[in-house]
Each structure stands twice: as C-alpha cells, then as structure tokens.
Amino acid sequence: MSEQQGNNISGEVDVLLIGAGIMSATLSAMLRELEPDWSQVIVERLDGPAKESSYPLNNAGTGHSALCELNYTPEKNGRIDVSKAMVINEKFQLSRQFWSHQLENNLLDDPSKFINPVPHVSFAQGEDQIDYLRRRYDKLTENHMFPNMKFTDDHEAFGEKLPLMAKDRDFDAEPVAISWTDEGTDIDYGALTKQFIDNSVARGTEVRYGREVLNLKREGNFWKVTVRNVHTGDKQVLKARFVFVGAGGYALDLLRKAGVPEVRGYAGFPISGLWLRTTNQEIVSQHKAKVYGKAKVGAPPMSVPHLDLRVIDGEESLLFGPYGGWSPKFLKEGSYLDLFKSIRPDNIPSYLGVAATNFSLVTYLVSEVFKDFDGRMEALREYYPSADGKDWDTVVAGQRVQVIKPAAAPSFGTLEFGTALVNDQSGSIAGILGASPGASITPSAMLELLERCFGERMIEWSDKLHEMFPTYGISLKRDAGAFQKQWDWTQKVLKLEP
C-alpha cells in the first residue's frame, strides 16, 4: 500500500479531508497558507491521489473559462444569454491567480507539467448553428474577459485553423463556422493534484491511502469519523474539528450519513462516458485545438461533443467525446449497488420527478449505451471526416453524479447540471456535489467554503487571501483594468505567453 506520511498525527485532527482529488488538494494547500500550524489528514479509499475524476483521462481537462463551451451561452427567447459564461470565466481567473501565487512561492513546480496553451474553438454546423455562433461571438466580444476572439465562416480560413477537420469535408453539403481564441488552455488536473499534495505533505499534512470512510457522527466540538483500511479491514476513529467531503460521487452519501440536514431530499443520478483516443502523432500534429460543438437534444452538459488536444505527462494525444452512458456506480471504482443503496424515503420524490420530466435525457442515454464502436466513429467523422477506426482506441471516462435537488410540493426534484457547495449550519462540515465546471473553478469554490465555514477568520486572513487572489472582492467583468493586470501576470507566471 502506498502511503505518504507528514507529521505522525494521532486520532485528533484540526482538518480532515475526504478524498485525494483536486478539491481536497486545493483546500489543503489554501489552509496550509492560512493556518500552517493546523493539523491535516487526507483519507483516500484508493491507493494514490487523483485516481477518480481528477485523473486526466477521466475529465475534459479544458480549463473551463466559457471561451468555447456553447452550453454556457444558451439562447433564450431569441437572445444569447452570456451571464453564466461571465461567472465561470471570472471564477477561472481565480484559479489562474492561485496557481500563479503557488508557483511564485515555489509551492508548485514547472507549470508546463499541468497547464499548456491550447486554442479554444466553438464549432457550428448548418445555417441555424452558424447564426447562433455569430451572435454569440458578437455578444462575448463586447466584454474584455474574452480576449482576442475571432470568427469565420470562410472555408479556407477554417482549413488553416483546423486542417484535420477540413480534410475530406464537403463544405458544399453543409456550411460550417468557427469562433476561437488562442488564449485557451489544457490542464492535467491529475498532475496538479499530485503537486499540491506533495507540497502539503512536505509541510506536515498526512495522507492515508487505502482508507474508506464508513460513518460520520457529530460529538460535541468534533466529528467522529470511522475509517476502514480497505486492505486489512481494520477500523479507526478519527476526531476532526472540520471535515471536508471531496469524495466525488460518494460525497452526497457521506453528507447524508453525517446527518447534514441541508442535503435532505437530495438524490444523485450517475452518468458515465467513453472517449475515443488517438496517440498517432501524424494525426495529433494536425489538430492543435480544443473544438466544442452543440450538444444533442437531451444530452447532459458533460456529454457536449468535443475534439481535444490533450497534454498528459508531456505526451500529446487527441480525445473525442465523451459519449454518454449509464452505470449505477457513483464512482468509476465504485459498486454496482451505489444507486440502489442511495434510494431513501426522503429522496424518492426527487427520483420520480427526474424520471417524469427528463425523458429526453433517458432516451439520449439509452441510445448512447447501445452505440457500438462504429457508431462512435460515425459521430467522430462529423468533426474529422476522414477518421479511420484503426487509429482510435476506446477509453472509459470518469463517472459523474448529477445532483437532483428536492423541490417544494407539489413539484418533484430537478436535475442540476453544475457544481454545488453544501455545508451545515455550524460550518464544521462541507462538501462538493455535481460536475462541470468542477475542477476548473476549484479555488473559487474553496474561497466560498472559507467564507461560509470560517467567516469569523476572514478579516484575520484578509492580507494572505489577497496575496493568493489579488482580485478577491473585485468584479473582473466590470473592471477591465483589474482583469488586464491579473491576466498579464498569470500569463507570464504560467508561461502561457506566445
């Protein structure tokens, strides 16, 4: 069993973080800056960090800043709504700032190991999509947070930017257009997670791998957390003043076990996926971009089709997908009984509501489950017309659990596609639920956690927080000068300048 030891912490700890993914790793790093003397323990059921949603092939690695993701700019009543894109972009700037601060203080290593410049491109097919994309482009370029965006419906310009997608394409049969910016990024969240955890360990955090949390119970000023060694079966009780549940698909179940009233009636709907991947460098060299298109009717946001350049451990490859699927597991390394064990009297109405009101999603997932390799290749050829199946392998993507929020009677639950922070009234326990934009906005989510759970310390922490996040408290969508200053700084520190 792989195990990293910091100080040999006993059964009582200031901060217990459940899960060794990007969420826990980021919060650990932030608290190491704010309260270096606090004891920390991270417990992880698998035998290493970043093996679930933070593993690079289990996520899109986009660095979601709404530059190319069309589902963040929906059309409502004939108008393009960019409000969500603004919020996500602003949150991603905080991620860039935190990583830059950590790099400048030698708490992270060479940025090219986890972040690399890759153009972000939005792809439209057919006159209706092209009209939408043009209006989206016009709307986004009104704001300074979307720098150097371009648009073209010219076939030659399309071919210059995306030679792989232009090859053998019949432009007369269907018109296409793209909008893009060269300021996008590709991020290896697995590598970033490992760097954060290694540094936290060096500063005193203890990481216990192969440990599964069985139960959480409030007792006085502590949480009693029962942990089982998955290899030996031995159990241990840890006492923690604060608990963070960064356990991906298992977070909701653990919050329910803790009796957190804020999640009463909540349910989870698991969605899996597949990628097609090629490492053929002759193909990879012709596509230096992340290209996002429109989702099919009923598809969840995590299944928006995209053809991506990925940089993982210094190796470039292309991923296409993800193809939606379904599994009752709540984690990729979970149990087929996860969904059934999660059904309780208080969340049955939530499940029934989703079943009744999301028939298009169910239909989509069924069609995806029955799609074979040839069917997946057919979808890829909408992006890369000359794709040959012998160049592509199938990779199982990460498991996501979409949150089903309870609704007031007589309504049923609603399916939420996003990332949500949940905490109890005392602020002694908190967890992250949901999926996209997820990892991309982790520092922003952890800032919100600090505000909710450690509000009485925010004034004391103010100077350090502004070191880590220079624009904390500033509206970047309104303050063009502040945006440009932090942009120039992070571009330089993250080595993203051309």
Protein backbone atom coordinates (compact mmCIF):
# COMPACT_ATOMS: atom_id res chain seq x y z
CA MET A 1 0.00 0.00 0.00
CA SER A 2 1.30 3.41 -0.99
CA GLU A 3 1.29 5.90 1.89
CA GLN A 4 2.70 9.35 2.41
CA GLN A 5 3.45 10.49 5.94
CA GLY A 6 3.85 14.02 7.25
CA ASN A 7 3.77 14.52 10.99
CA ASN A 8 2.53 11.31 12.61
CA ILE A 9 -0.86 12.74 13.55
CA SER A 10 -2.89 10.92 16.20
CA GLY A 11 -6.63 10.31 16.19
CA GLU A 12 -7.46 14.00 16.71
CA VAL A 13 -7.02 16.50 13.89
CA ASP A 14 -7.96 20.08 13.05
CA VAL A 15 -8.91 19.37 9.42
CA LEU A 16 -9.92 16.05 7.86
CA LEU A 17 -10.23 15.96 4.06
CA ILE A 18 -12.03 13.00 2.50
CA GLY A 19 -10.76 12.17 -0.99
CA ALA A 20 -7.36 12.86 -2.56
CA GLY A 21 -8.58 14.67 -5.67
CA ILE A 22 -8.19 18.25 -6.89
CA MET A 23 -10.82 19.60 -4.47
CA SER A 24 -9.20 18.32 -1.26
CA ALA A 25 -5.70 19.03 -2.59
CA THR A 26 -6.59 22.67 -3.29
CA LEU A 27 -8.27 23.22 0.07
CA SER A 28 -5.31 21.61 1.82
CA ALA A 29 -2.92 23.97 0.01
CA MET A 30 -5.02 27.03 0.86
CA LEU A 31 -5.30 26.13 4.54
CA ARG A 32 -1.56 25.43 4.70
CA GLU A 33 -1.09 29.08 3.69
CA LEU A 34 -3.74 30.47 6.03
CA GLU A 35 -3.17 28.27 9.09
CA PRO A 36 0.20 26.49 8.77
CA ASP A 37 0.00 25.13 12.33
CA TRP A 38 -3.32 23.35 11.85
CA SER A 39 -3.03 19.57 11.63
CA GLN A 40 -4.40 18.00 8.45
CA VAL A 41 -5.19 14.44 7.41
CA ILE A 42 -6.35 13.37 3.94
CA VAL A 43 -8.01 9.95 3.66
CA GLU A 44 -8.45 8.28 0.27
CA ARG A 45 -10.07 4.91 -0.45
CA LEU A 46 -7.81 4.21 -3.44
CA ASP A 47 -4.05 3.69 -3.27
CA GLY A 48 -2.95 7.03 -4.71
CA PRO A 49 -4.06 10.60 -5.45
CA ALA A 50 -6.18 11.78 -8.38
CA LYS A 51 -7.41 8.34 -9.47
CA GLU A 52 -11.09 9.24 -9.96
CA SER A 53 -12.47 12.45 -11.52
CA SER A 54 -9.12 14.25 -11.26
CA TYR A 55 -7.36 11.61 -13.36
CA PRO A 56 -6.60 13.28 -16.71
CA LEU A 57 -8.39 10.77 -18.93
CA ASN A 58 -11.47 10.89 -16.69
CA ASN A 59 -12.18 14.57 -17.44
CA ALA A 60 -12.05 17.07 -20.29
CA GLY A 61 -9.06 18.96 -18.90
CA THR A 62 -10.32 22.08 -20.61
CA GLY A 63 -9.76 24.74 -18.02
CA HIS A 64 -13.38 25.84 -18.33
CA SER A 65 -13.49 29.58 -18.83
CA ALA A 66 -16.51 29.57 -21.18
CA LEU A 67 -14.39 30.52 -24.18
CA CYS A 68 -15.71 27.69 -26.35
CA GLU A 69 -18.35 25.74 -24.37
CA LEU A 70 -21.66 26.52 -26.06
CA ASN A 71 -23.81 25.13 -23.24
CA TYR A 72 -22.66 28.06 -21.07
CA THR A 73 -24.23 30.54 -23.52
CA PRO A 74 -27.80 29.31 -24.14
CA GLU A 75 -30.25 31.06 -26.40
CA LYS A 76 -33.33 32.32 -24.56
CA ASN A 77 -36.23 33.97 -26.35
CA GLY A 78 -34.04 34.70 -29.35
CA ARG A 79 -31.23 36.28 -27.30
CA ILE A 80 -27.85 34.85 -26.29
CA ASP A 81 -27.54 34.70 -22.50
CA VAL A 82 -23.86 35.05 -21.56
CA SER A 83 -24.37 35.54 -17.81
CA LYS A 84 -23.25 32.01 -16.90
CA ALA A 85 -20.21 32.33 -19.17
CA MET A 86 -19.25 35.53 -17.35
CA VAL A 87 -19.49 33.86 -13.94
CA ILE A 88 -17.46 30.81 -14.96
CA ASN A 89 -14.80 32.89 -16.69
CA GLU A 90 -14.40 35.10 -13.61
CA LYS A 91 -14.08 32.04 -11.37
CA PHE A 92 -11.44 30.51 -13.64
CA GLN A 93 -9.35 33.69 -13.36
CA LEU A 94 -9.17 32.99 -9.60
CA SER A 95 -7.80 29.53 -10.42
CA ARG A 96 -5.09 31.08 -12.56
CA GLN A 97 -4.25 33.54 -9.79
CA PHE A 98 -3.95 30.86 -7.11
CA TRP A 99 -1.74 28.64 -9.28
CA SER A 100 0.44 31.67 -10.13
CA HIS A 101 0.81 32.56 -6.46
CA GLN A 102 1.82 29.00 -5.64
CA LEU A 103 4.37 28.99 -8.46
CA GLU A 104 5.91 32.30 -7.42
CA ASN A 105 6.32 30.94 -3.89
CA ASN A 106 7.87 27.66 -5.10
CA LEU A 107 4.91 25.67 -3.83
CA LEU A 108 4.18 24.33 -7.31
CA ASP A 109 6.69 23.11 -9.87
CA ASP A 110 7.12 23.87 -13.60
CA PRO A 111 3.65 24.98 -14.87
CA SER A 112 4.08 23.12 -18.18
CA LYS A 113 3.65 19.91 -16.19
CA PHE A 114 -0.01 20.77 -15.57
CA ILE A 115 -1.08 23.66 -17.87
CA ASN A 116 -0.36 24.36 -21.54
CA PRO A 117 -1.69 26.87 -24.09
CA VAL A 118 -4.22 25.33 -26.49
CA PRO A 119 -6.68 27.34 -28.63
CA HIS A 120 -10.36 27.01 -27.68
CA VAL A 121 -12.71 26.75 -30.66
CA SER A 122 -16.51 26.70 -30.99
CA PHE A 123 -17.82 24.74 -33.99
CA ALA A 124 -21.13 25.32 -35.80
CA GLN A 125 -22.72 23.13 -38.48
CA GLY A 126 -25.64 24.34 -40.60
CA GLU A 127 -27.17 27.78 -41.05
CA ASP A 128 -29.05 27.84 -37.73
CA GLN A 129 -25.97 26.99 -35.67
CA ILE A 130 -23.83 29.45 -37.64
CA ASP A 131 -26.33 32.24 -36.96
CA TYR A 132 -26.28 31.36 -33.25
CA LEU A 133 -22.47 31.22 -33.17
CA ARG A 134 -22.13 34.61 -34.89
CA ARG A 135 -24.50 36.24 -32.40
CA ARG A 136 -22.69 34.52 -29.50
CA TYR A 137 -19.38 35.84 -30.80
CA ASP A 138 -20.79 39.37 -31.08
CA LYS A 139 -22.11 39.21 -27.52
CA LEU A 140 -18.96 37.81 -25.91
CA THR A 141 -16.60 40.23 -27.65
CA GLU A 142 -18.44 43.11 -26.00
CA ASN A 143 -16.62 42.12 -22.78
CA HIS A 144 -12.88 42.26 -22.06
CA MET A 145 -12.84 38.81 -20.37
CA PHE A 146 -12.93 37.12 -23.77
CA PRO A 147 -9.72 38.45 -25.32
CA ASN A 148 -8.71 38.15 -28.96
CA MET A 149 -11.75 36.16 -30.09
CA LYS A 150 -12.22 35.65 -33.82
CA PHE A 151 -15.00 34.35 -36.07
CA THR A 152 -15.01 32.92 -39.59
CA ASP A 153 -17.36 31.07 -41.89
CA ASP A 154 -14.75 31.05 -44.66
CA HIS A 155 -13.75 27.54 -45.73
CA GLU A 156 -10.12 28.39 -46.40
CA ALA A 157 -9.72 30.06 -43.01
CA PHE A 158 -11.40 27.05 -41.41
CA GLY A 159 -8.86 24.74 -43.08
CA GLU A 160 -5.92 26.85 -41.97
CA LYS A 161 -7.07 26.74 -38.35
CA LEU A 162 -8.33 23.15 -38.28
CA PRO A 163 -6.63 21.14 -41.06
CA LEU A 164 -7.69 17.78 -39.62
CA MET A 165 -11.35 18.77 -39.54
CA ALA A 166 -11.18 20.30 -43.03
CA LYS A 167 -9.65 17.23 -44.69
CA ASP A 168 -12.22 15.49 -46.96
CA ARG A 169 -15.03 17.74 -45.66
CA ASP A 170 -17.81 18.54 -48.15
CA PHE A 171 -18.29 22.23 -47.44
CA ASP A 172 -20.98 22.44 -50.15
CA ALA A 173 -23.15 19.85 -48.42
CA GLU A 174 -23.21 21.69 -45.11
CA PRO A 175 -21.82 25.12 -44.22
CA VAL A 176 -19.67 25.42 -41.10
CA ALA A 177 -18.24 28.21 -39.00
CA ILE A 178 -15.95 28.61 -36.01
CA SER A 179 -15.20 31.20 -33.38
CA TRP A 180 -12.00 30.88 -31.40
CA THR A 181 -9.34 32.36 -29.19
CA ASP A 182 -5.72 31.29 -28.91
CA GLU A 183 -5.81 32.14 -25.18
CA GLY A 184 -7.28 28.78 -24.08
CA THR A 185 -5.54 26.10 -22.03
CA ASP A 186 -5.30 22.36 -21.50
CA ILE A 187 -4.92 21.26 -17.88
CA ASP A 188 -3.76 17.98 -16.37
CA TYR A 189 -5.64 18.04 -13.07
CA GLY A 190 -4.01 14.79 -12.01
CA ALA A 191 -0.52 16.29 -12.20
CA LEU A 192 -1.73 19.45 -10.44
CA THR A 193 -3.34 17.41 -7.65
CA LYS A 194 -0.15 15.43 -7.05
CA GLN A 195 1.93 18.61 -6.85
CA PHE A 196 -0.45 20.14 -4.31
CA ILE A 197 -0.49 17.01 -2.16
CA ASP A 198 3.28 16.52 -2.30
CA ASN A 199 3.78 20.07 -1.08
CA SER A 200 1.16 19.74 1.66
CA VAL A 201 2.85 16.54 2.87
CA ALA A 202 6.20 18.33 2.96
CA ARG A 203 4.56 20.95 5.19
CA GLY A 204 3.03 18.47 7.64
CA THR A 205 -0.14 17.03 6.11
CA GLU A 206 -0.62 13.28 6.48
CA VAL A 207 -2.18 11.29 3.63
CA ARG A 208 -3.66 7.88 4.37
CA TYR A 209 -4.38 5.89 1.22
CA GLY A 210 -6.47 2.73 1.13
CA ARG A 211 -8.82 4.22 3.74
CA GLU A 212 -12.59 4.29 3.26
CA VAL A 213 -14.87 6.45 5.40
CA LEU A 214 -17.75 4.39 6.77
CA ASN A 215 -19.55 6.86 9.00
CA LEU A 216 -19.50 10.41 10.42
CA LYS A 217 -21.12 11.46 13.67
CA ARG A 218 -21.16 14.82 15.42
CA GLU A 219 -20.00 14.68 19.06
CA GLY A 220 -19.52 17.97 20.86
CA ASN A 221 -16.99 20.13 19.01
CA PHE A 222 -15.72 17.23 16.93
CA TRP A 223 -16.77 14.95 14.13
CA LYS A 224 -16.12 11.28 14.89
CA VAL A 225 -15.18 9.71 11.56
CA THR A 226 -14.99 5.93 11.27
CA VAL A 227 -12.37 4.87 8.72
CA ARG A 228 -11.67 1.35 7.43
CA ASN A 229 -8.40 0.10 5.97
CA VAL A 230 -9.57 -1.47 2.69
CA HIS A 231 -6.62 -3.89 2.68
CA THR A 232 -6.75 -5.21 6.23
CA GLY A 233 -10.30 -4.41 7.32
CA ASP A 234 -9.01 -2.62 10.43
CA LYS A 235 -11.13 0.30 11.61
CA GLN A 236 -10.09 3.54 13.24
CA VAL A 237 -12.00 6.53 14.58
CA LEU A 238 -10.60 9.99 13.84
CA LYS A 239 -11.84 13.11 15.61
CA ALA A 240 -11.85 16.24 13.47
CA ARG A 241 -12.85 19.83 14.17
CA PHE A 242 -13.62 20.41 10.49
CA VAL A 243 -14.42 17.88 7.76
CA PHE A 244 -14.34 18.46 4.02
CA VAL A 245 -16.04 15.86 1.84
CA GLY A 246 -14.30 15.91 -1.54
CA ALA A 247 -15.29 12.35 -2.39
CA GLY A 248 -16.75 12.88 -5.86
CA GLY A 249 -19.80 10.70 -6.43
CA TYR A 250 -19.71 9.46 -2.83
CA ALA A 251 -19.89 12.96 -1.34
CA LEU A 252 -23.69 13.06 -1.17
CA ASP A 253 -23.90 9.70 0.61
CA LEU A 254 -21.29 10.74 3.19
CA LEU A 255 -23.06 14.05 3.86
CA ARG A 256 -26.28 12.12 4.38
CA LYS A 257 -24.54 9.73 6.77
CA ALA A 258 -23.30 12.77 8.70
CA GLY A 259 -26.90 13.86 9.10
CA VAL A 260 -26.36 17.18 7.33
CA PRO A 261 -29.93 18.50 7.06
CA GLU A 262 -29.08 20.67 4.06
CA VAL A 263 -28.97 17.56 1.81
CA ARG A 264 -32.23 16.04 2.99
CA GLY A 265 -34.26 15.02 -0.06
CA TYR A 266 -31.24 15.26 -2.37
CA ALA A 267 -30.58 12.39 -4.75
CA GLY A 268 -27.88 11.52 -7.27
CA PHE A 269 -28.15 10.45 -10.92
CA PRO A 270 -24.99 8.70 -12.17
CA ILE A 271 -23.76 9.31 -15.72
CA SER A 272 -20.76 7.57 -17.26
CA GLY A 273 -18.98 8.11 -20.54
CA LEU A 274 -16.42 6.97 -23.09
CA TRP A 275 -13.73 8.71 -25.14
CA LEU A 276 -12.15 7.83 -28.44
CA ARG A 277 -8.40 8.46 -28.20
CA THR A 278 -5.51 8.50 -30.65
CA THR A 279 -1.80 8.87 -29.93
CA ASN A 280 -0.87 8.69 -33.63
CA GLN A 281 1.37 11.75 -33.85
CA GLU A 282 0.78 12.17 -37.59
CA ILE A 283 -2.88 12.81 -36.74
CA VAL A 284 -2.25 14.70 -33.49
CA SER A 285 0.11 17.15 -35.21
CA GLN A 286 -2.75 18.34 -37.44
CA HIS A 287 -5.07 19.37 -34.62
CA LYS A 288 -3.74 21.90 -32.11
CA ALA A 289 -7.03 22.92 -30.53
CA LYS A 290 -9.99 22.05 -28.35
CA VAL A 291 -13.12 22.16 -30.50
CA TYR A 292 -16.56 22.16 -28.86
CA GLY A 293 -19.84 21.75 -30.72
CA LYS A 294 -23.52 21.77 -29.83
CA ALA A 295 -24.95 19.07 -27.58
CA LYS A 296 -27.57 16.71 -28.94
CA VAL A 297 -31.13 17.09 -27.64
CA GLY A 298 -31.38 15.68 -24.12
CA ALA A 299 -27.63 15.31 -23.64
CA PRO A 300 -26.18 16.39 -20.28
CA PRO A 301 -23.54 19.17 -20.42
CA MET A 302 -20.72 16.71 -19.66
CA SER A 303 -21.57 14.97 -22.96
CA VAL A 304 -21.15 18.02 -25.21
CA PRO A 305 -19.06 16.67 -28.13
CA HIS A 306 -15.52 17.98 -28.44
CA LEU A 307 -12.30 17.04 -30.22
CA ASP A 308 -9.45 17.95 -27.91
CA LEU A 309 -5.71 18.16 -27.91
CA ARG A 310 -4.54 16.82 -24.53
CA VAL A 311 -1.08 17.10 -22.96
CA ILE A 312 -0.60 14.40 -20.31
CA ASP A 313 2.82 13.69 -18.82
CA GLY A 314 4.32 15.65 -21.71
CA GLU A 315 2.66 13.43 -24.35
CA GLU A 316 0.15 14.87 -26.81
CA SER A 317 -2.94 12.92 -27.86
CA LEU A 318 -6.44 13.61 -29.18
CA LEU A 319 -9.66 12.77 -27.37
CA PHE A 320 -13.14 12.82 -28.89
CA GLY A 321 -16.34 12.51 -26.95
CA PRO A 322 -17.43 11.94 -24.34
CA TYR A 323 -20.12 9.52 -25.38
CA GLY A 324 -22.82 9.45 -22.73
CA GLY A 325 -23.53 6.24 -20.90
CA TRP A 326 -25.11 4.92 -17.78
CA SER A 327 -23.94 2.87 -14.84
CA PRO A 328 -25.41 2.56 -11.33
CA LYS A 329 -21.92 3.23 -9.91
CA PHE A 330 -21.32 6.57 -8.20
CA LEU A 331 -17.55 6.32 -8.78
CA LYS A 332 -15.57 4.66 -11.55
CA GLU A 333 -14.08 2.39 -8.86
CA GLY A 334 -17.43 2.17 -7.08
CA SER A 335 -20.09 -0.51 -6.63
CA TYR A 336 -22.93 -1.53 -8.93
CA LEU A 337 -25.15 -1.20 -5.85
CA ASP A 338 -24.36 2.51 -5.33
CA LEU A 339 -27.54 3.87 -6.91
CA PHE A 340 -29.83 1.38 -5.22
CA LYS A 341 -28.27 1.96 -1.79
CA SER A 342 -28.75 5.71 -2.23
CA ILE A 343 -32.55 5.48 -2.53
CA ARG A 344 -34.25 6.57 0.69
CA PRO A 345 -37.81 7.60 1.58
CA ASP A 346 -36.99 11.31 1.58
CA ASN A 347 -35.45 11.36 -1.93
CA ILE A 348 -37.87 9.04 -3.74
CA PRO A 349 -39.96 12.06 -4.93
CA SER A 350 -36.78 13.60 -6.34
CA TYR A 351 -36.00 10.48 -8.36
CA LEU A 352 -39.60 10.23 -9.58
CA GLY A 353 -39.52 13.86 -10.65
CA VAL A 354 -36.44 13.36 -12.79
CA ALA A 355 -37.88 10.22 -14.34
CA ALA A 356 -41.07 12.10 -15.25
CA THR A 357 -39.53 15.35 -16.54
CA ASN A 358 -36.27 14.23 -18.17
CA PHE A 359 -37.47 11.70 -20.72
CA SER A 360 -35.20 13.21 -23.40
CA LEU A 361 -32.16 12.59 -21.18
CA VAL A 362 -33.18 8.97 -20.60
CA THR A 363 -33.73 8.49 -24.34
CA TYR A 364 -30.32 10.01 -25.09
CA LEU A 365 -28.51 7.81 -22.57
CA VAL A 366 -30.21 4.65 -23.85
CA SER A 367 -29.19 5.47 -27.43
CA GLU A 368 -25.61 6.13 -26.31
CA VAL A 369 -25.39 2.88 -24.32
CA PHE A 370 -26.33 0.87 -27.40
CA LYS A 371 -23.93 2.75 -29.70
CA ASP A 372 -21.10 0.43 -30.80
CA PHE A 373 -17.57 1.39 -31.91
CA ASP A 374 -18.74 2.00 -35.50
CA GLY A 375 -21.48 4.27 -34.20
CA ARG A 376 -18.96 6.24 -32.16
CA MET A 377 -16.69 6.56 -35.19
CA GLU A 378 -19.63 7.91 -37.19
CA ALA A 379 -20.05 10.68 -34.61
CA LEU A 380 -16.31 11.43 -34.74
CA ARG A 381 -16.50 11.83 -38.53
CA GLU A 382 -18.85 14.80 -38.10
CA TYR A 383 -15.72 16.53 -36.77
CA TYR A 384 -12.95 14.60 -38.53
CA PRO A 385 -14.44 13.29 -41.80
CA SER A 386 -11.52 11.03 -42.79
CA ALA A 387 -11.13 9.35 -39.37
CA ASP A 388 -10.07 5.69 -39.56
CA GLY A 389 -11.10 3.39 -36.75
CA LYS A 390 -7.71 1.64 -36.66
CA ASP A 391 -6.16 4.85 -35.30
CA TRP A 392 -8.52 5.18 -32.33
CA ASP A 393 -8.97 3.33 -29.05
CA THR A 394 -11.86 3.45 -26.60
CA VAL A 395 -11.16 4.88 -23.15
CA VAL A 396 -13.64 4.78 -20.26
CA ALA A 397 -14.18 8.29 -18.91
CA GLY A 398 -14.86 9.22 -15.30
CA GLN A 399 -18.15 8.68 -13.51
CA ARG A 400 -20.24 11.73 -12.64
CA VAL A 401 -23.19 12.02 -10.28
CA GLN A 402 -25.58 14.80 -11.25
CA VAL A 403 -27.37 16.32 -8.27
CA ILE A 404 -31.15 16.04 -8.02
CA LYS A 405 -32.44 18.86 -5.83
CA PRO A 406 -35.73 18.41 -3.99
CA ALA A 407 -38.46 20.84 -4.91
CA ALA A 408 -41.31 22.16 -2.80
CA ALA A 409 -44.60 20.27 -3.03
CA PRO A 410 -46.43 19.61 -5.26
CA SER A 411 -43.37 19.68 -7.56
CA PHE A 412 -40.79 16.92 -7.72
CA GLY A 413 -37.00 17.12 -7.85
CA THR A 414 -34.97 18.85 -10.52
CA LEU A 415 -31.76 17.65 -12.15
CA GLU A 416 -28.92 20.14 -11.64
CA PHE A 417 -26.00 20.31 -14.09
CA GLY A 418 -23.28 22.15 -12.25
CA THR A 419 -21.04 22.32 -9.19
CA ALA A 420 -22.59 22.98 -5.78
CA LEU A 421 -21.04 23.58 -2.35
CA VAL A 422 -23.04 22.26 0.62
CA ASN A 423 -22.28 22.92 4.29
CA ASP A 424 -24.13 22.51 7.58
CA GLN A 425 -25.28 25.46 9.66
CA SER A 426 -22.35 25.16 12.09
CA GLY A 427 -19.79 25.36 9.27
CA SER A 428 -17.99 22.32 10.68
CA ILE A 429 -18.57 20.11 7.62
CA ALA A 430 -18.84 20.88 3.91
CA GLY A 431 -18.78 19.01 0.62
CA ILE A 432 -18.81 19.49 -3.14
CA LEU A 433 -21.56 17.99 -5.28
CA GLY A 434 -22.08 17.86 -9.04
CA ALA A 435 -19.83 18.04 -12.06
CA SER A 436 -18.86 20.61 -14.74
CA PRO A 437 -17.22 23.12 -14.49
CA GLY A 438 -15.87 21.31 -11.42
CA ALA A 439 -12.08 21.15 -11.28
CA SER A 440 -11.63 24.36 -13.29
CA ILE A 441 -13.20 26.53 -10.60
CA THR A 442 -11.92 24.68 -7.51
CA PRO A 443 -10.09 27.66 -5.93
CA SER A 444 -13.23 29.79 -6.27
CA ALA A 445 -15.34 27.03 -4.69
CA MET A 446 -12.86 26.73 -1.83
CA LEU A 447 -12.97 30.50 -1.29
CA GLU A 448 -16.73 30.22 -0.95
CA LEU A 449 -16.20 27.38 1.53
CA LEU A 450 -13.88 29.56 3.63
CA GLU A 451 -16.44 32.37 3.65
CA ARG A 452 -19.24 30.05 4.76
CA CYS A 453 -17.37 27.86 7.24
CA PHE A 454 -14.66 30.16 8.59
CA GLY A 455 -16.37 33.53 8.28
CA GLU A 456 -15.10 34.73 11.64
CA ARG A 457 -11.50 34.37 10.39
CA MET A 458 -11.86 36.13 7.04
CA ILE A 459 -10.73 39.52 8.36
CA GLU A 460 -7.69 37.93 10.01
CA TRP A 461 -6.90 36.09 6.76
CA SER A 462 -7.56 39.09 4.52
CA ASP A 463 -3.94 40.01 3.69
CA LYS A 464 -2.96 36.42 2.89
CA LEU A 465 -6.10 35.87 0.81
CA HIS A 466 -5.30 38.94 -1.29
CA GLU A 467 -1.78 37.57 -1.82
CA MET A 468 -3.27 34.33 -3.15
CA PHE A 469 -6.10 36.05 -5.03
CA PRO A 470 -5.14 39.66 -5.93
CA THR A 471 -8.60 40.41 -7.35
CA TYR A 472 -10.55 38.84 -4.46
CA GLY A 473 -13.63 41.00 -3.99
CA ILE A 474 -13.22 42.79 -7.35
CA SER A 475 -15.69 42.29 -10.22
CA LEU A 476 -13.47 41.40 -13.15
CA LYS A 477 -16.33 41.58 -15.63
CA ARG A 478 -16.76 45.25 -14.73
CA ASP A 479 -13.15 46.29 -14.02
CA ALA A 480 -11.24 45.95 -17.29
CA GLY A 481 -8.04 47.34 -15.76
CA ALA A 482 -8.02 44.79 -12.93
CA PHE A 483 -8.75 42.00 -15.40
CA GLN A 484 -5.88 43.00 -17.70
CA LYS A 485 -3.39 43.37 -14.84
CA GLN A 486 -4.09 39.91 -13.43
CA TRP A 487 -4.23 38.44 -16.95
CA ASP A 488 -0.78 39.75 -17.85
CA TRP A 489 0.63 38.49 -14.55
CA THR A 490 -0.83 34.98 -14.77
CA GLN A 491 0.05 34.63 -18.46
CA LYS A 492 3.69 35.28 -17.56
CA VAL A 493 3.88 33.13 -14.44
CA LEU A 494 2.01 30.20 -16.02
CA LYS A 495 4.23 30.50 -19.11
CA LEU A 496 1.26 30.86 -21.44
CA GLU A 497 2.61 33.80 -23.42
CA PRO A 498 3.20 33.04 -27.13
